């Protein structure tokens, strides 16, 4: 049975969790030495972070290296726990809020920062807290865009940046006489058809991934003028023609356009990357710079480039007057510190270490995600032509709604795809079935939005 977190329940239960843990942001029992370093001798800091399915072996080594470095600096060890999906991520937050105990630090995808904020269970950062991690000006300004509802009211500390783009096979496009990827979704589909032949397909899409599908729907809906959640009127707008059109386009690449390998119905993101890396796909939409590590170690090295994904919605040749040219979500990871933690000074010390210039550069070289440390970002960007379109996409990024209801909404959008997989396997999703699933998603999102603070 699929476990699912209701964010309304998290908001309602946050008060109970905080009653157990207290409302103070200073729960640390660590002490600072005369030199200003935190003394964590004999202590263990618990960190919750997403499992890296692209680079699992490298992540395990990184865990060991981080703990060793932190132990050398503070005397404390670091224990890492991982979550495997958005569902798991939200459930972990709920458990911690209810019990008043759990990880000291959560490393969350940016879209879940509003969820963490809405519980009231994480430290709202003061000027003193920012000073503990080196100051706000240590970070690339754009990465602070979804740290909280305002600059003075934030919980999220940027750890890594992950704008989404698409990769393309330069050789395949050149052979087909295509100069560059289209800037419209219709144009991209037409190019993908031209590039589909035999066992080589126009696109590699991860339909079974628990994170990718909703981002396509969000982008296409935003481009049509639908933000999915209207926070001013507190209305969800998922059962809308724009959203239906987005899903039909996304499903249609497989069922109507036939530019996707039928096996992609069961693919996670890592499998889509692998298909592109083996030369079996011309376009790989919805990837980040983290794919560069894999692609540069594959037969595709030197034969691929990145491009900003289309910003003109399906069925259109130009952006509608009310549309937003959303190329990507404001994407990456934020670290939040639990109010219940008895090791808050240690938590901030670890975050300071992980967001240092040297550690950020090392992380990027291993995993590909971009630094949030401004000095590290500049060094990584200099001389790396591949990153140009990714940085460009970052300037065209839009934040998802900063609401505790977004977590439920995101899961509801993915669930539409999950429930449609059997029909996709059989040839297509009927209009009536899609509408019924959108109504269910609408009800979920609306209920959560109505309860959200």
Protein backbone atom coordinates (compact mmCIF):
# COMPACT_ATOMS: atom_id res chain seq x y z
CA UNK A 1 0.00 0.00 0.00
CA UNK A 2 1.41 3.39 -1.01
CA UNK A 3 2.05 5.57 2.02
CA UNK A 4 1.06 9.17 1.50
CA UNK A 5 1.48 12.26 3.65
CA UNK A 6 -1.31 14.81 3.89
CA UNK A 7 0.34 18.19 4.34
CA UNK A 8 -2.79 19.49 5.98
CA UNK A 9 -2.15 16.94 8.70
CA UNK A 10 1.44 18.12 9.03
CA UNK A 11 0.33 21.71 9.50
CA UNK A 12 -2.29 20.68 12.01
CA UNK A 13 0.12 18.45 13.92
CA UNK A 14 3.00 20.91 13.90
CA UNK A 15 1.71 22.59 17.03
CA UNK A 16 1.76 19.27 18.86
CA UNK A 17 5.31 18.61 17.71
CA UNK A 18 6.43 22.08 18.78
CA UNK A 19 4.75 21.69 22.13
CA UNK A 20 7.08 18.77 22.72
CA UNK A 21 10.19 20.51 21.43
CA UNK A 22 9.67 24.11 22.43
CA UNK A 23 9.60 27.15 20.18
CA UNK A 24 13.13 28.35 20.80
CA UNK A 25 15.63 28.37 17.95
CA UNK A 26 18.52 27.73 20.32
CA UNK A 27 18.40 24.12 21.37
CA UNK A 28 22.13 23.50 21.12
CA UNK A 29 24.15 21.89 23.89
CA UNK A 30 27.41 22.17 21.92
CA UNK A 31 29.98 24.67 23.12
CA UNK A 32 32.27 26.98 21.21
CA UNK A 33 35.99 26.97 21.88
CA UNK A 34 38.04 30.10 22.42
CA UNK A 35 38.87 30.08 18.72
CA UNK A 36 35.20 30.16 17.78
CA UNK A 37 35.03 26.52 16.68
CA UNK A 38 32.23 24.32 17.97
CA UNK A 39 33.26 21.54 20.34
CA UNK A 40 31.34 18.43 19.38
CA UNK A 41 33.53 15.82 20.97
CA UNK A 42 31.61 12.59 21.46
CA UNK A 43 28.51 13.86 19.67
CA UNK A 44 26.76 12.59 16.54
CA UNK A 45 24.97 14.85 14.07
CA UNK A 46 22.12 13.22 12.14
CA UNK A 47 21.55 14.39 8.56
CA UNK A 48 18.67 13.33 6.27
CA UNK A 49 19.43 13.58 2.53
CA UNK A 50 18.10 12.16 -0.74
CA UNK A 51 19.65 8.94 -1.99
CA UNK A 52 21.67 9.70 -5.13
CA UNK A 53 20.52 7.10 -7.64
CA UNK A 54 22.91 8.33 -10.34
CA UNK A 55 26.02 8.08 -8.18
CA UNK A 56 25.27 5.80 -5.20
CA UNK A 57 28.87 4.60 -4.69
CA UNK A 58 30.25 8.12 -4.82
CA UNK A 59 27.61 9.27 -2.36
CA UNK A 60 28.61 6.64 0.18
CA UNK A 61 32.24 7.75 -0.08
CA UNK A 62 31.16 11.38 0.27
CA UNK A 63 29.30 10.48 3.48
CA UNK A 64 32.50 8.96 4.88
CA UNK A 65 34.67 11.88 3.79
CA UNK A 66 32.29 14.48 5.24
CA UNK A 67 32.13 12.70 8.58
CA UNK A 68 35.92 12.36 8.71
CA UNK A 69 36.46 16.04 7.91
CA UNK A 70 33.83 17.17 10.42
CA UNK A 71 35.24 14.94 13.12
CA UNK A 72 38.65 16.46 12.54
CA UNK A 73 37.21 19.98 12.77
CA UNK A 74 34.80 19.54 15.69
CA UNK A 75 35.25 16.11 17.21
CA UNK A 76 31.71 15.13 16.16
CA UNK A 77 30.73 12.42 13.72
CA UNK A 78 28.02 12.70 11.07
CA UNK A 79 25.39 10.03 10.53
CA UNK A 80 23.58 10.17 7.18
CA UNK A 81 20.10 8.80 6.54
CA UNK A 82 18.58 8.77 3.05
CA UNK A 83 15.12 9.03 1.56
CA UNK A 84 14.25 7.53 -1.81
CA UNK A 85 11.22 9.50 -3.01
CA UNK A 86 9.11 12.59 -2.44
CA UNK A 87 6.64 10.45 -0.51
CA UNK A 88 9.43 9.22 1.75
CA UNK A 89 10.76 12.75 2.17
CA UNK A 90 7.42 14.08 3.38
CA UNK A 91 6.77 11.13 5.64
CA UNK A 92 10.14 11.66 7.35
CA UNK A 93 9.25 15.30 8.02
CA UNK A 94 5.87 14.30 9.44
CA UNK A 95 7.43 11.71 11.75
CA UNK A 96 9.95 14.21 13.10
CA UNK A 97 7.31 16.87 13.69
CA UNK A 98 5.05 14.46 15.54
CA UNK A 99 7.75 12.90 17.70
CA UNK A 100 9.85 15.98 18.33
CA UNK A 101 12.97 14.06 17.45
CA UNK A 102 14.84 12.92 14.39
CA UNK A 103 17.52 14.32 12.08
CA UNK A 104 19.28 17.52 13.14
CA UNK A 105 19.50 18.63 9.51
CA UNK A 106 17.24 17.90 6.57
CA UNK A 107 18.65 18.36 3.07
CA UNK A 108 15.46 19.03 1.10
CA UNK A 109 14.65 19.65 -2.53
CA UNK A 110 13.80 23.33 -2.90
CA UNK A 111 10.15 22.57 -3.65
CA UNK A 112 9.79 21.00 -0.20
CA UNK A 113 11.15 24.03 1.65
CA UNK A 114 7.62 25.50 1.90
CA UNK A 115 6.50 22.20 3.41
CA UNK A 116 9.20 22.35 6.06
CA UNK A 117 8.45 26.02 6.69
CA UNK A 118 4.73 25.40 7.13
CA UNK A 119 5.28 22.97 10.00
CA UNK A 120 6.99 25.59 12.14
CA UNK A 121 9.39 22.85 13.24
CA UNK A 122 12.54 24.27 11.67
CA UNK A 123 14.76 27.17 12.71
CA UNK A 124 13.86 30.55 11.21
CA UNK A 125 17.23 32.03 10.40
CA UNK A 126 18.32 35.11 12.28
CA UNK A 127 21.21 37.39 11.35
CA UNK A 128 23.27 35.52 13.94
CA UNK A 129 22.43 32.19 12.30
CA UNK A 130 23.49 33.44 8.88
CA UNK A 131 26.73 34.69 10.44
CA UNK A 132 27.42 31.18 11.77
CA UNK A 133 27.50 29.84 8.21
CA UNK A 134 29.53 32.66 6.70
CA UNK A 135 26.80 35.20 5.90
CA UNK A 136 24.08 35.49 3.25
CA UNK A 137 26.49 37.13 0.82
CA UNK A 138 28.47 33.88 0.62
CA UNK A 139 25.67 32.49 -1.61
CA UNK A 140 24.65 33.04 -5.23
CA UNK A 141 21.66 35.41 -4.83
CA UNK A 142 19.33 33.41 -7.09
CA UNK A 143 19.74 30.31 -4.92
CA UNK A 144 18.10 32.14 -2.00
CA UNK A 145 14.90 32.61 -4.01
CA UNK A 146 12.96 29.83 -2.26
CA UNK A 147 14.54 29.88 1.21
CA UNK A 148 11.38 31.37 2.70
CA UNK A 149 8.37 33.57 1.96
CA UNK A 150 10.52 36.71 2.29
CA UNK A 151 14.17 37.68 2.74
CA UNK A 152 13.61 38.31 6.44
CA UNK A 153 11.67 35.09 7.01
CA UNK A 154 13.68 32.10 5.84
CA UNK A 155 14.45 28.54 6.92
CA UNK A 156 16.35 27.15 3.91
CA UNK A 157 20.13 27.43 3.46
CA UNK A 158 21.16 26.77 -0.18
CA UNK A 159 23.38 23.71 -0.53
CA UNK A 160 23.38 23.04 -4.27
CA UNK A 161 21.79 24.43 -7.42
CA UNK A 162 20.13 22.28 -10.07
CA UNK A 163 18.49 24.21 -12.93
CA UNK A 164 16.85 21.85 -15.41
CA UNK A 165 17.64 21.83 -19.12
CA UNK A 166 17.79 19.25 -21.89
CA UNK A 167 20.79 17.50 -23.34
CA UNK A 168 20.98 16.78 -27.06
CA UNK A 169 23.11 14.57 -29.31
CA UNK A 170 25.00 16.96 -31.58
CA UNK A 171 25.87 14.28 -34.15
CA UNK A 172 22.27 13.10 -34.57
CA UNK A 173 20.96 16.65 -34.98
CA UNK A 174 23.68 17.52 -37.49
CA UNK A 175 22.99 14.40 -39.56
CA UNK A 176 19.30 15.33 -39.67
CA UNK A 177 20.06 18.91 -40.73
CA UNK A 178 18.81 20.40 -37.48
CA UNK A 179 20.79 23.44 -36.34
CA UNK A 180 19.54 23.62 -32.76
CA UNK A 181 16.73 22.33 -30.53
CA UNK A 182 13.36 24.02 -30.98
CA UNK A 183 12.13 26.61 -28.49
CA UNK A 184 8.53 25.40 -28.73
CA UNK A 185 7.21 22.08 -27.41
CA UNK A 186 5.48 21.41 -30.76
CA UNK A 187 8.71 22.14 -32.60
CA UNK A 188 10.66 19.82 -30.31
CA UNK A 189 8.16 17.01 -30.93
CA UNK A 190 8.52 17.53 -34.70
CA UNK A 191 12.30 17.36 -34.43
CA UNK A 192 12.06 14.25 -32.26
CA UNK A 193 9.93 12.54 -34.93
CA UNK A 194 12.55 13.32 -37.55
CA UNK A 195 15.24 11.88 -35.28
CA UNK A 196 13.42 8.65 -34.44
CA UNK A 197 14.63 5.68 -36.47
CA UNK A 198 14.99 2.01 -35.55
CA UNK A 199 16.17 1.67 -31.97
CA UNK A 200 17.15 5.35 -31.75
CA UNK A 201 14.37 7.56 -30.42
CA UNK A 202 13.84 11.28 -30.45
CA UNK A 203 13.48 11.58 -26.67
CA UNK A 204 14.45 9.75 -23.50
CA UNK A 205 11.73 10.27 -20.89
CA UNK A 206 11.56 8.76 -17.38
CA UNK A 207 7.83 8.13 -16.95
CA UNK A 208 8.27 6.05 -13.78
CA UNK A 209 10.46 8.57 -11.99
CA UNK A 210 8.96 9.99 -8.79
CA UNK A 211 10.41 13.48 -9.32
CA UNK A 212 10.51 14.21 -13.08
CA UNK A 213 6.93 14.04 -14.46
CA UNK A 214 5.34 16.91 -12.53
CA UNK A 215 8.06 19.33 -13.66
CA UNK A 216 7.01 18.93 -17.32
CA UNK A 217 3.37 19.55 -16.41
CA UNK A 218 4.25 22.52 -14.20
CA UNK A 219 6.36 24.17 -16.93
CA UNK A 220 3.80 23.70 -19.71
CA UNK A 221 0.99 24.92 -17.44
CA UNK A 222 2.95 28.00 -16.35
CA UNK A 223 3.67 28.80 -19.99
CA UNK A 224 -0.08 28.74 -20.61
CA UNK A 225 -0.72 31.11 -17.69
CA UNK A 226 -1.78 28.53 -15.08
CA UNK A 227 0.26 28.59 -11.85
CA UNK A 228 -1.60 25.49 -10.47
CA UNK A 229 -2.07 27.14 -7.06
CA UNK A 230 -3.39 30.69 -6.71
CA UNK A 231 -2.22 31.71 -3.26
CA UNK A 232 -4.17 35.00 -3.24
CA UNK A 233 -7.55 33.39 -3.86
CA UNK A 234 -6.54 30.08 -2.27
CA UNK A 235 -7.76 28.17 -5.31
CA UNK A 236 -6.15 25.19 -7.00
CA UNK A 237 -6.42 25.10 -10.81
CA UNK A 238 -5.40 21.58 -11.75
CA UNK A 239 -8.70 20.57 -13.40
CA UNK A 240 -8.04 23.07 -16.16
CA UNK A 241 -7.60 22.71 -19.91
CA UNK A 242 -4.01 23.99 -19.71
CA UNK A 243 -3.04 21.21 -17.32
CA UNK A 244 -4.88 18.60 -19.38
CA UNK A 245 -3.03 19.81 -22.49
CA UNK A 246 0.29 19.47 -20.64
CA UNK A 247 -0.41 15.85 -19.68
CA UNK A 248 -1.67 15.00 -23.17
CA UNK A 249 1.56 16.38 -24.64
CA UNK A 250 3.72 14.51 -22.12
CA UNK A 251 1.88 11.21 -22.66
CA UNK A 252 1.63 11.84 -26.40
CA UNK A 253 5.37 11.68 -26.94
CA UNK A 254 5.05 7.99 -26.20
CA UNK A 255 1.59 7.10 -27.50
CA UNK A 256 0.87 9.53 -30.36
CA UNK A 257 4.20 10.86 -31.59
CA UNK A 258 6.01 7.59 -30.83
CA UNK A 259 9.31 9.34 -30.24
CA UNK A 260 10.03 7.56 -26.94
CA UNK A 261 11.24 4.00 -26.37
CA UNK A 262 8.22 1.98 -25.09
CA UNK A 263 10.48 0.68 -22.31
CA UNK A 264 10.56 4.23 -20.91
CA UNK A 265 7.22 3.53 -19.21
CA UNK A 266 9.29 1.84 -16.52
CA UNK A 267 12.31 4.15 -16.55
CA UNK A 268 13.65 6.21 -13.68
CA UNK A 269 15.81 9.25 -14.44
CA UNK A 270 19.05 7.23 -14.28
CA UNK A 271 17.76 4.90 -17.02
CA UNK A 272 16.81 7.80 -19.26
CA UNK A 273 20.30 9.26 -18.80
CA UNK A 274 21.81 5.85 -19.61
CA UNK A 275 19.78 5.56 -22.83
CA UNK A 276 20.97 8.98 -23.98
CA UNK A 277 24.53 8.20 -22.93
CA UNK A 278 24.50 5.09 -25.13
CA UNK A 279 23.41 7.12 -28.18
CA UNK A 280 19.85 5.76 -28.21
CA UNK A 281 18.09 9.13 -27.88
CA UNK A 282 18.49 12.52 -29.54
CA UNK A 283 17.03 14.62 -26.72
CA UNK A 284 17.14 14.15 -22.95
CA UNK A 285 14.78 16.74 -21.42
CA UNK A 286 14.63 17.56 -17.71
CA UNK A 287 18.21 16.94 -16.68
CA UNK A 288 20.62 19.05 -14.67
CA UNK A 289 24.35 19.56 -14.68
CA UNK A 290 24.63 16.40 -12.58
CA UNK A 291 24.27 14.42 -15.81
CA UNK A 292 27.58 15.85 -17.06
CA UNK A 293 29.57 13.49 -14.86
CA UNK A 294 27.89 10.43 -16.38
CA UNK A 295 27.88 11.72 -19.94
CA UNK A 296 31.54 12.71 -19.89
CA UNK A 297 32.40 9.18 -18.79
CA UNK A 298 30.34 7.63 -21.60
CA UNK A 299 30.59 7.23 -25.36
CA UNK A 300 28.67 10.51 -25.59
CA UNK A 301 31.63 12.55 -24.26
CA UNK A 302 32.23 15.52 -26.53
CA UNK A 303 29.17 14.67 -28.63
CA UNK A 304 26.46 16.34 -26.58
CA UNK A 305 25.43 19.80 -25.46
CA UNK A 306 22.79 21.35 -23.25
CA UNK A 307 19.97 23.69 -24.26
CA UNK A 308 17.23 25.57 -22.45
CA UNK A 309 13.99 23.61 -22.65
CA UNK A 310 11.14 25.08 -24.72
CA UNK A 311 9.42 28.05 -23.12
CA UNK A 312 6.53 28.23 -25.59
CA UNK A 313 3.63 25.96 -24.61
CA UNK A 314 2.07 23.10 -26.59
CA UNK A 315 -0.20 24.26 -29.39
CA UNK A 316 1.37 27.72 -29.59
CA UNK A 317 4.01 29.43 -31.72
CA UNK A 318 4.56 32.24 -29.23
CA UNK A 319 4.10 32.78 -25.52
CA UNK A 320 0.51 33.75 -24.60
CA UNK A 321 0.04 37.21 -23.07
CA UNK A 322 -0.62 35.69 -19.63
CA UNK A 323 2.01 32.97 -19.97
CA UNK A 324 5.32 32.82 -18.16
CA UNK A 325 8.46 31.73 -20.01
CA UNK A 326 9.30 29.18 -17.34
CA UNK A 327 12.39 27.24 -18.39
CA UNK A 328 12.86 25.47 -15.05
CA UNK A 329 11.79 25.56 -11.45
CA UNK A 330 14.12 27.25 -8.97
CA UNK A 331 15.78 23.97 -8.26
CA UNK A 332 18.39 22.51 -5.99
CA UNK A 333 18.68 21.57 -2.33
CA UNK A 334 18.17 23.62 0.82
CA UNK A 335 19.33 22.57 4.26
CA UNK A 336 17.04 23.21 7.22
CA UNK A 337 17.87 22.82 10.91
CA UNK A 338 15.32 21.24 13.25
CA UNK A 339 14.13 23.28 16.23
CA UNK A 340 14.11 20.13 18.35
CA UNK A 341 17.83 19.54 17.68
CA UNK A 342 20.05 19.70 20.74
CA UNK A 343 23.02 20.24 18.43
CA UNK A 344 22.09 23.36 16.50
CA UNK A 345 25.54 24.97 16.78
CA UNK A 346 27.03 21.76 15.37
CA UNK A 347 24.40 21.73 12.62
CA UNK A 348 25.32 25.25 11.52
CA UNK A 349 29.01 24.33 11.71
CA UNK A 350 28.46 21.40 9.35
CA UNK A 351 26.46 23.55 6.92
CA UNK A 352 29.23 26.16 7.00
CA UNK A 353 31.73 23.42 6.13
CA UNK A 354 29.62 21.97 3.33
CA UNK A 355 28.97 25.37 1.75
CA UNK A 356 32.63 26.41 1.82
CA UNK A 357 34.29 27.17 -1.51
CA UNK A 358 36.54 24.10 -1.47
CA UNK A 359 33.83 21.62 -0.45
CA UNK A 360 31.38 23.01 -2.98
CA UNK A 361 33.88 22.72 -5.83
CA UNK A 362 34.72 19.16 -4.80
CA UNK A 363 31.02 18.26 -4.66
CA UNK A 364 30.39 19.64 -8.14
CA UNK A 365 33.33 17.72 -9.60
CA UNK A 366 31.97 14.49 -8.12
CA UNK A 367 28.21 14.86 -8.63
CA UNK A 368 27.82 17.68 -11.17
CA UNK A 369 25.31 19.79 -9.23
CA UNK A 370 26.23 23.48 -9.27
CA UNK A 371 27.58 25.32 -6.22
CA UNK A 372 25.54 27.79 -4.21
CA UNK A 373 28.74 29.32 -2.82
CA UNK A 374 29.32 32.38 -5.03
CA UNK A 375 33.11 32.06 -5.19
CA UNK A 376 32.88 28.34 -6.00
CA UNK A 377 30.23 28.97 -8.67
CA UNK A 378 32.45 31.48 -10.43
CA UNK A 379 35.39 29.06 -10.52
CA UNK A 380 33.22 26.20 -11.80
CA UNK A 381 31.62 28.34 -14.50
CA UNK A 382 34.86 29.81 -15.85
CA UNK A 383 35.95 27.92 -18.96
CA UNK A 384 33.09 25.40 -18.93
CA UNK A 385 31.12 26.08 -22.12
CA UNK A 386 28.67 23.26 -21.40
CA UNK A 387 27.29 25.17 -18.42
CA UNK A 388 26.24 28.23 -20.45
CA UNK A 389 22.69 27.05 -21.24
CA UNK A 390 22.28 25.74 -17.68
CA UNK A 391 23.18 29.13 -16.24
CA UNK A 392 20.86 30.75 -18.79
CA UNK A 393 18.04 28.45 -17.68
CA UNK A 394 18.69 29.53 -14.10
CA UNK A 395 17.96 33.14 -15.07
CA UNK A 396 14.64 31.97 -16.55
CA UNK A 397 13.65 29.96 -13.47
CA UNK A 398 10.40 30.41 -11.58
CA UNK A 399 9.73 29.31 -8.05
CA UNK A 400 6.96 26.86 -7.27
CA UNK A 401 4.25 28.34 -5.00
CA UNK A 402 5.62 28.96 -1.50
CA UNK A 403 2.86 27.13 0.33
CA UNK A 404 2.65 24.14 2.62
CA UNK A 405 0.12 22.81 0.12
CA UNK A 406 2.73 22.39 -2.60
CA UNK A 407 4.00 19.06 -1.29
CA UNK A 408 0.55 17.48 -1.61
CA UNK A 409 0.06 19.17 -4.98
CA UNK A 410 3.35 17.85 -6.33
CA UNK A 411 2.51 14.32 -5.23
CA UNK A 412 -0.96 14.61 -6.75
CA UNK A 413 0.54 15.65 -10.09
CA UNK A 414 2.90 12.67 -10.08
CA UNK A 415 0.06 10.36 -9.04
CA UNK A 416 -1.80 11.23 -12.25
CA UNK A 417 1.14 9.70 -14.12
CA UNK A 418 1.43 6.72 -11.76
CA UNK A 419 -2.25 5.87 -12.27
CA UNK A 420 -1.90 6.29 -16.03
CA UNK A 421 1.02 3.87 -16.46
CA UNK A 422 -1.18 0.79 -17.16
CA UNK A 423 -3.08 2.68 -19.86
CA UNK A 424 0.15 3.99 -21.36
CA UNK A 425 1.38 0.42 -21.57
CA UNK A 426 -1.77 -0.48 -23.47
CA UNK A 427 -1.52 2.36 -25.97
CA UNK A 428 -2.90 5.55 -24.47
CA UNK A 429 -4.80 7.44 -21.78
CA UNK A 430 -8.38 8.34 -22.63
CA UNK A 431 -9.56 11.90 -22.27
CA UNK A 432 -12.24 10.89 -19.77
CA UNK A 433 -9.79 8.94 -17.59
CA UNK A 434 -7.35 11.84 -17.61
CA UNK A 435 -10.08 14.29 -16.63
CA UNK A 436 -11.16 12.03 -13.75
CA UNK A 437 -7.60 11.84 -12.43
CA UNK A 438 -7.19 15.59 -12.72
CA UNK A 439 -10.37 16.09 -10.69
CA UNK A 440 -8.95 13.83 -7.99
CA UNK A 441 -5.67 15.76 -8.03
CA UNK A 442 -7.63 19.01 -7.90
CA UNK A 443 -9.53 17.87 -4.82
CA UNK A 444 -6.29 16.86 -3.08
CA UNK A 445 -4.56 20.14 -3.88
CA UNK A 446 -7.58 22.25 -2.94
CA UNK A 447 -8.05 20.49 0.39
CA UNK A 448 -4.40 21.00 1.25
CA UNK A 449 -4.42 24.64 0.11
CA UNK A 450 -7.52 25.41 2.15
CA UNK A 451 -5.78 24.11 5.30
CA UNK A 452 -2.38 25.64 4.59
CA UNK A 453 -1.18 28.67 6.50
